[in-house]
PDB file of N, CA and C in Angstrom:
ATOM      1  N   MET A   1       0.828  -1.188   0.000  1.00  0.00           N
ATOM      2  CA  MET A   1       0.000   0.000   0.000  1.00  0.00           C
ATOM      3  C   MET A   1       0.867   1.244   0.000  1.00  0.00           C
ATOM      4  N   GLY A   2       2.043   1.162   0.609  1.00  0.00           N
ATOM      5  CA  GLY A   2       2.901   2.324   0.712  1.00  0.00           C
ATOM      6  C   GLY A   2       3.357   2.853  -0.640  1.00  0.00           C
ATOM      7  N   ARG A   3       3.594   1.987  -1.579  1.00  0.00           N
ATOM      8  CA  ARG A   3       4.076   2.461  -2.878  1.00  0.00           C
ATOM      9  C   ARG A   3       2.994   3.187  -3.657  1.00  0.00           C
ATOM     10  N   PHE A   4       1.728   2.906  -3.361  1.00  0.00           N
ATOM     11  CA  PHE A   4       0.644   3.587  -4.041  1.00  0.00           C
ATOM     12  C   PHE A   4       0.364   4.961  -3.439  1.00  0.00           C
ATOM     13  N   CYS A   5       0.586   5.099  -2.151  1.00  0.00           N
ATOM     14  CA  CYS A   5       0.301   6.353  -1.463  1.00  0.00           C
ATOM     15  C   CYS A   5       1.503   7.281  -1.403  1.00  0.00           C
ATOM     16  N   GLY A   6       2.640   6.830  -1.853  1.00  0.00           N
ATOM     17  CA  GLY A   6       3.836   7.643  -1.798  1.00  0.00           C
ATOM     18  C   GLY A   6       4.516   7.627  -0.445  1.00  0.00           C
ATOM     19  N   TYR A   7       4.132   6.719   0.411  1.00  0.00           N
ATOM     20  CA  TYR A   7       4.723   6.621   1.741  1.00  0.00           C
ATOM     21  C   TYR A   7       6.034   5.866   1.647  1.00  0.00           C
ATOM     22  N   LYS A   8       7.079   6.486   2.168  1.00  0.00           N
ATOM     23  CA  LYS A   8       8.385   5.840   2.158  1.00  0.00           C
ATOM     24  C   LYS A   8       8.794   5.577   3.595  1.00  0.00           C
ATOM     25  N   TYR A   9       8.998   4.345   3.933  1.00  0.00           N
ATOM     26  CA  TYR A   9       9.359   3.964   5.288  1.00  0.00           C
ATOM     27  C   TYR A   9      10.852   4.119   5.485  1.00  0.00           C
ATOM     28  N   LYS A  10      11.217   4.810   6.544  1.00  0.00           N
ATOM     29  CA  LYS A  10      12.627   4.956   6.887  1.00  0.00           C
ATOM     30  C   LYS A  10      12.861   4.238   8.201  1.00  0.00           C
ATOM     31  N   SER A  11      13.774   3.320   8.195  1.00  0.00           N
ATOM     32  CA  SER A  11      14.051   2.583   9.421  1.00  0.00           C
ATOM     33  C   SER A  11      15.205   3.186  10.196  1.00  0.00           C
ATOM     34  N   GLY A  12      15.808   4.252   9.669  1.00  0.00           N
ATOM     35  CA  GLY A  12      16.959   4.877  10.313  1.00  0.00           C
ATOM     36  C   GLY A  12      16.555   5.693  11.524  1.00  0.00           C
ATOM     37  N   GLY A  13      17.525   6.398  12.099  1.00  0.00           N
ATOM     38  CA  GLY A  13      17.287   7.176  13.291  1.00  0.00           C
ATOM     39  C   GLY A  13      16.753   8.561  13.021  1.00  0.00           C
ATOM     40  N   SER A  14      16.586   8.949  11.762  1.00  0.00           N
ATOM     41  CA  SER A  14      16.088  10.286  11.483  1.00  0.00           C
ATOM     42  C   SER A  14      14.635  10.395  11.913  1.00  0.00           C
ATOM     43  N   GLY A  15      14.278  11.558  12.395  1.00  0.00           N
ATOM     44  CA  GLY A  15      12.916  11.766  12.839  1.00  0.00           C
ATOM     45  C   GLY A  15      12.680  11.365  14.273  1.00  0.00           C
ATOM     46  N   GLY A  16      13.718  11.044  14.995  1.00  0.00           N
ATOM     47  CA  GLY A  16      13.555  10.650  16.382  1.00  0.00           C
ATOM     48  C   GLY A  16      13.027  11.779  17.236  1.00  0.00           C
ATOM     49  N   GLY A  17      13.406  13.006  16.887  1.00  0.00           N
ATOM     50  CA  GLY A  17      12.937  14.162  17.651  1.00  0.00           C
ATOM     51  C   GLY A  17      11.444  14.384  17.514  1.00  0.00           C
ATOM     52  N   THR A  18      10.916  14.202  16.308  1.00  0.00           N
ATOM     53  CA  THR A  18       9.479  14.385  16.135  1.00  0.00           C
ATOM     54  C   THR A  18       8.701  13.253  16.782  1.00  0.00           C
ATOM     55  N   ARG A  19       9.263  12.072  16.790  1.00  0.00           N
ATOM     56  CA  ARG A  19       8.584  10.961  17.468  1.00  0.00           C
ATOM     57  C   ARG A  19       8.527  11.193  18.971  1.00  0.00           C
ATOM     58  N   VAL A  20       9.618  11.676  19.542  1.00  0.00           N
ATOM     59  CA  VAL A  20       9.650  11.963  20.977  1.00  0.00           C
ATOM     60  C   VAL A  20       8.682  13.102  21.299  1.00  0.00           C
ATOM     61  N   ALA A  21       8.688  14.140  20.453  1.00  0.00           N
ATOM     62  CA  ALA A  21       7.763  15.255  20.662  1.00  0.00           C
ATOM     63  C   ALA A  21       6.312  14.780  20.566  1.00  0.00           C
ATOM     64  N   GLY A  22       6.041  13.885  19.631  1.00  0.00           N
ATOM     65  CA  GLY A  22       4.683  13.345  19.493  1.00  0.00           C
ATOM     66  C   GLY A  22       4.257  12.556  20.715  1.00  0.00           C
ATOM     67  N   ILE A  23       5.156  11.751  21.253  1.00  0.00           N
ATOM     68  CA  ILE A  23       4.836  10.967  22.448  1.00  0.00           C
ATOM     69  C   ILE A  23       4.601  11.894  23.635  1.00  0.00           C
ATOM     70  N   ILE A  24       5.437  12.929  23.767  1.00  0.00           N
ATOM     71  CA  ILE A  24       5.268  13.883  24.869  1.00  0.00           C
ATOM     72  C   ILE A  24       3.939  14.606  24.757  1.00  0.00           C
ATOM     73  N   LEU A  25       3.567  15.038  23.544  1.00  0.00           N
ATOM     74  CA  LEU A  25       2.278  15.705  23.357  1.00  0.00           C
ATOM     75  C   LEU A  25       1.114  14.774  23.675  1.00  0.00           C
ATOM     76  N   MET A  26       1.231  13.510  23.292  1.00  0.00           N
ATOM     77  CA  MET A  26       0.154  12.564  23.601  1.00  0.00           C
ATOM     78  C   MET A  26       0.014  12.361  25.101  1.00  0.00           C
ATOM     79  N   VAL A  27       1.128  12.268  25.816  1.00  0.00           N
ATOM     80  CA  VAL A  27       1.071  12.073  27.268  1.00  0.00           C
ATOM     81  C   VAL A  27       0.488  13.305  27.951  1.00  0.00           C
ATOM     82  N   ILE A  28       0.937  14.507  27.545  1.00  0.00           N
ATOM     83  CA  ILE A  28       0.395  15.731  28.139  1.00  0.00           C
ATOM     84  C   ILE A  28      -1.096  15.853  27.851  1.00  0.00           C
ATOM     85  N   GLY A  29      -1.493  15.560  26.622  1.00  0.00           N
ATOM     86  CA  GLY A  29      -2.913  15.624  26.266  1.00  0.00           C
ATOM     87  C   GLY A  29      -3.747  14.623  27.051  1.00  0.00           C
ATOM     88  N   LEU A  30      -3.210  13.422  27.242  1.00  0.00           N
ATOM     89  CA  LEU A  30      -3.932  12.412  28.013  1.00  0.00           C
ATOM     90  C   LEU A  30      -4.086  12.828  29.468  1.00  0.00           C
ATOM     91  N   LEU A  31      -3.016  13.374  30.044  1.00  0.00           N
ATOM     92  CA  LEU A  31      -3.099  13.847  31.431  1.00  0.00           C
ATOM     93  C   LEU A  31      -4.099  14.994  31.566  1.00  0.00           C
ATOM     94  N   MET A  32      -4.066  15.935  30.618  1.00  0.00           N
ATOM     95  CA  MET A  32      -5.035  17.041  30.664  1.00  0.00           C
ATOM     96  C   MET A  32      -6.451  16.515  30.536  1.00  0.00           C
ATOM     97  N   PHE A  33      -6.648  15.563  29.655  1.00  0.00           N
ATOM     98  CA  PHE A  33      -7.984  15.007  29.455  1.00  0.00           C
ATOM     99  C   PHE A  33      -8.483  14.302  30.712  1.00  0.00           C
ATOM    100  N   LEU A  34      -7.623  13.522  31.353  1.00  0.00           N
ATOM    101  CA  LEU A  34      -8.028  12.772  32.541  1.00  0.00           C
ATOM    102  C   LEU A  34      -8.226  13.664  33.764  1.00  0.00           C
ATOM    103  N   ILE A  35      -7.396  14.681  33.912  1.00  0.00           N
ATOM    104  CA  ILE A  35      -7.475  15.527  35.099  1.00  0.00           C
ATOM    105  C   ILE A  35      -8.623  16.535  35.006  1.00  0.00           C
ATOM    106  N   PHE A  36      -8.814  17.122  33.829  1.00  0.00           N
ATOM    107  CA  PHE A  36      -9.737  18.244  33.717  1.00  0.00           C
ATOM    108  C   PHE A  36     -11.096  17.895  33.136  1.00  0.00           C
ATOM    109  N   VAL A  37     -11.403  16.630  32.892  1.00  0.00           N
ATOM    110  CA  VAL A  37     -12.709  16.276  32.331  1.00  0.00           C
ATOM    111  C   VAL A  37     -13.850  16.737  33.231  1.00  0.00           C
ATOM    112  N   PRO A  38     -13.788  16.514  34.532  1.00  0.00           N
ATOM    113  CA  PRO A  38     -14.933  16.941  35.331  1.00  0.00           C
ATOM    114  C   PRO A  38     -15.022  18.451  35.509  1.00  0.00           C
ATOM    115  N   LYS A  39     -13.944  19.189  35.271  1.00  0.00           N
ATOM    116  CA  LYS A  39     -13.943  20.605  35.603  1.00  0.00           C
ATOM    117  C   LYS A  39     -14.304  21.493  34.419  1.00  0.00           C
ATOM    118  N   TRP A  40     -13.473  21.501  33.390  1.00  0.00           N
ATOM    119  CA  TRP A  40     -13.693  22.406  32.277  1.00  0.00           C
ATOM    120  C   TRP A  40     -13.688  21.662  30.966  1.00  0.00           C
ATOM    121  N   VAL A  41     -14.641  22.026  30.132  1.00  0.00           N
ATOM    122  CA  VAL A  41     -14.769  21.356  28.842  1.00  0.00           C
ATOM    123  C   VAL A  41     -13.654  21.793  27.886  1.00  0.00           C
ATOM    124  N   TRP A  42     -13.265  23.056  27.942  1.00  0.00           N
ATOM    125  CA  TRP A  42     -12.279  23.543  26.972  1.00  0.00           C
ATOM    126  C   TRP A  42     -10.908  22.914  27.189  1.00  0.00           C
ATOM    127  N   THR A  43     -10.540  22.622  28.435  1.00  0.00           N
ATOM    128  CA  THR A  43      -9.249  21.968  28.656  1.00  0.00           C
ATOM    129  C   THR A  43      -9.291  20.510  28.210  1.00  0.00           C
ATOM    130  N   SER A  44     -10.444  19.892  28.326  1.00  0.00           N
ATOM    131  CA  SER A  44     -10.588  18.531  27.814  1.00  0.00           C
ATOM    132  C   SER A  44     -10.462  18.523  26.294  1.00  0.00           C
ATOM    133  N   ALA A  45     -11.061  19.509  25.650  1.00  0.00           N
ATOM    134  CA  ALA A  45     -10.942  19.618  24.191  1.00  0.00           C
ATOM    135  C   ALA A  45      -9.489  19.873  23.792  1.00  0.00           C
ATOM    136  N   LEU A  46      -8.786  20.703  24.561  1.00  0.00           N
ATOM    137  CA  LEU A  46      -7.372  20.955  24.289  1.00  0.00           C
ATOM    138  C   LEU A  46      -6.556  19.677  24.461  1.00  0.00           C
ATOM    139  N   GLY A  47      -6.901  18.868  25.447  1.00  0.00           N
ATOM    140  CA  GLY A  47      -6.229  17.585  25.640  1.00  0.00           C
ATOM    141  C   GLY A  47      -6.422  16.662  24.452  1.00  0.00           C
ATOM    142  N   ILE A  48      -7.628  16.633  23.909  1.00  0.00           N
ATOM    143  CA  ILE A  48      -7.908  15.798  22.739  1.00  0.00           C
ATOM    144  C   ILE A  48      -7.119  16.294  21.529  1.00  0.00           C
ATOM    145  N   VAL A  49      -7.031  17.617  21.371  1.00  0.00           N
ATOM    146  CA  VAL A  49      -6.258  18.183  20.267  1.00  0.00           C
ATOM    147  C   VAL A  49      -4.775  17.831  20.416  1.00  0.00           C
ATOM    148  N   LEU A  50      -4.240  17.937  21.633  1.00  0.00           N
ATOM    149  CA  LEU A  50      -2.837  17.595  21.859  1.00  0.00           C
ATOM    150  C   LEU A  50      -2.559  16.122  21.573  1.00  0.00           C
ATOM    151  N   ILE A  51      -3.484  15.261  21.960  1.00  0.00           N
ATOM    152  CA  ILE A  51      -3.327  13.838  21.669  1.00  0.00           C
ATOM    153  C   ILE A  51      -3.317  13.611  20.157  1.00  0.00           C
ATOM    154  N   SER A  52      -4.204  14.282  19.445  1.00  0.00           N
ATOM    155  CA  SER A  52      -4.280  14.115  17.992  1.00  0.00           C
ATOM    156  C   SER A  52      -3.019  14.617  17.300  1.00  0.00           C
ATOM    157  N   VAL A  53      -2.558  15.807  17.680  1.00  0.00           N
ATOM    158  CA  VAL A  53      -1.348  16.357  17.073  1.00  0.00           C
ATOM    159  C   VAL A  53      -0.134  15.498  17.423  1.00  0.00           C
ATOM    160  N   GLY A  54      -0.076  15.041  18.657  1.00  0.00           N
ATOM    161  CA  GLY A  54       1.020  14.173  19.058  1.00  0.00           C
ATOM    162  C   GLY A  54       1.036  12.880  18.279  1.00  0.00           C
ATOM    163  N   PHE A  55      -0.128  12.311  18.044  1.00  0.00           N
ATOM    164  CA  PHE A  55      -0.198  11.078  17.270  1.00  0.00           C
ATOM    165  C   PHE A  55       0.256  11.310  15.834  1.00  0.00           C
ATOM    166  N   LEU A  56      -0.174  12.429  15.249  1.00  0.00           N
ATOM    167  CA  LEU A  56       0.239  12.722  13.878  1.00  0.00           C
ATOM    168  C   LEU A  56       1.744  12.926  13.787  1.00  0.00           C
ATOM    169  N   LEU A  57       2.330  13.620  14.751  1.00  0.00           N
ATOM    170  CA  LEU A  57       3.787  13.792  14.760  1.00  0.00           C
ATOM    171  C   LEU A  57       4.497  12.466  14.938  1.00  0.00           C
ATOM    172  N   TRP A  58       3.980  11.642  15.821  1.00  0.00           N
ATOM    173  CA  TRP A  58       4.603  10.343  16.093  1.00  0.00           C
ATOM    174  C   TRP A  58       4.510   9.432  14.867  1.00  0.00           C
ATOM    175  N   ARG A  59       3.360   9.445  14.225  1.00  0.00           N
ATOM    176  CA  ARG A  59       3.129   8.526  13.109  1.00  0.00           C
ATOM    177  C   ARG A  59       3.824   8.965  11.821  1.00  0.00           C
ATOM    178  N   PHE A  60       3.743  10.253  11.510  1.00  0.00           N
ATOM    179  CA  PHE A  60       4.231  10.714  10.214  1.00  0.00           C
ATOM    180  C   PHE A  60       5.495  11.558  10.310  1.00  0.00           C
ATOM    181  N   GLY A  61       6.093  11.655  11.483  1.00  0.00           N
ATOM    182  CA  GLY A  61       7.329  12.416  11.623  1.00  0.00           C
ATOM    183  C   GLY A  61       8.487  11.735  10.920  1.00  0.00           C
ATOM    184  N   ASN A  62       9.260  12.518  10.238  1.00  0.00           N
ATOM    185  CA  ASN A  62      10.392  11.960   9.479  1.00  0.00           C
ATOM    186  C   ASN A  62      11.618  11.991  10.319  1.00  0.00           C
TER     187      ASN A  62
END
């Protein structure tokens, strides 16, 4: 499927910084979501956004 979508898999160490940043964003977003769900809706929404952005960085970071 990768050759049809233009996705090129790199097994090297490049992109390690974006993967780490993505994991950190996902953890921060998860903590915000779990801590602030009962209190404020906007912080929960921000947590979901951070999780999404972190996942995208982790998955597609070069």
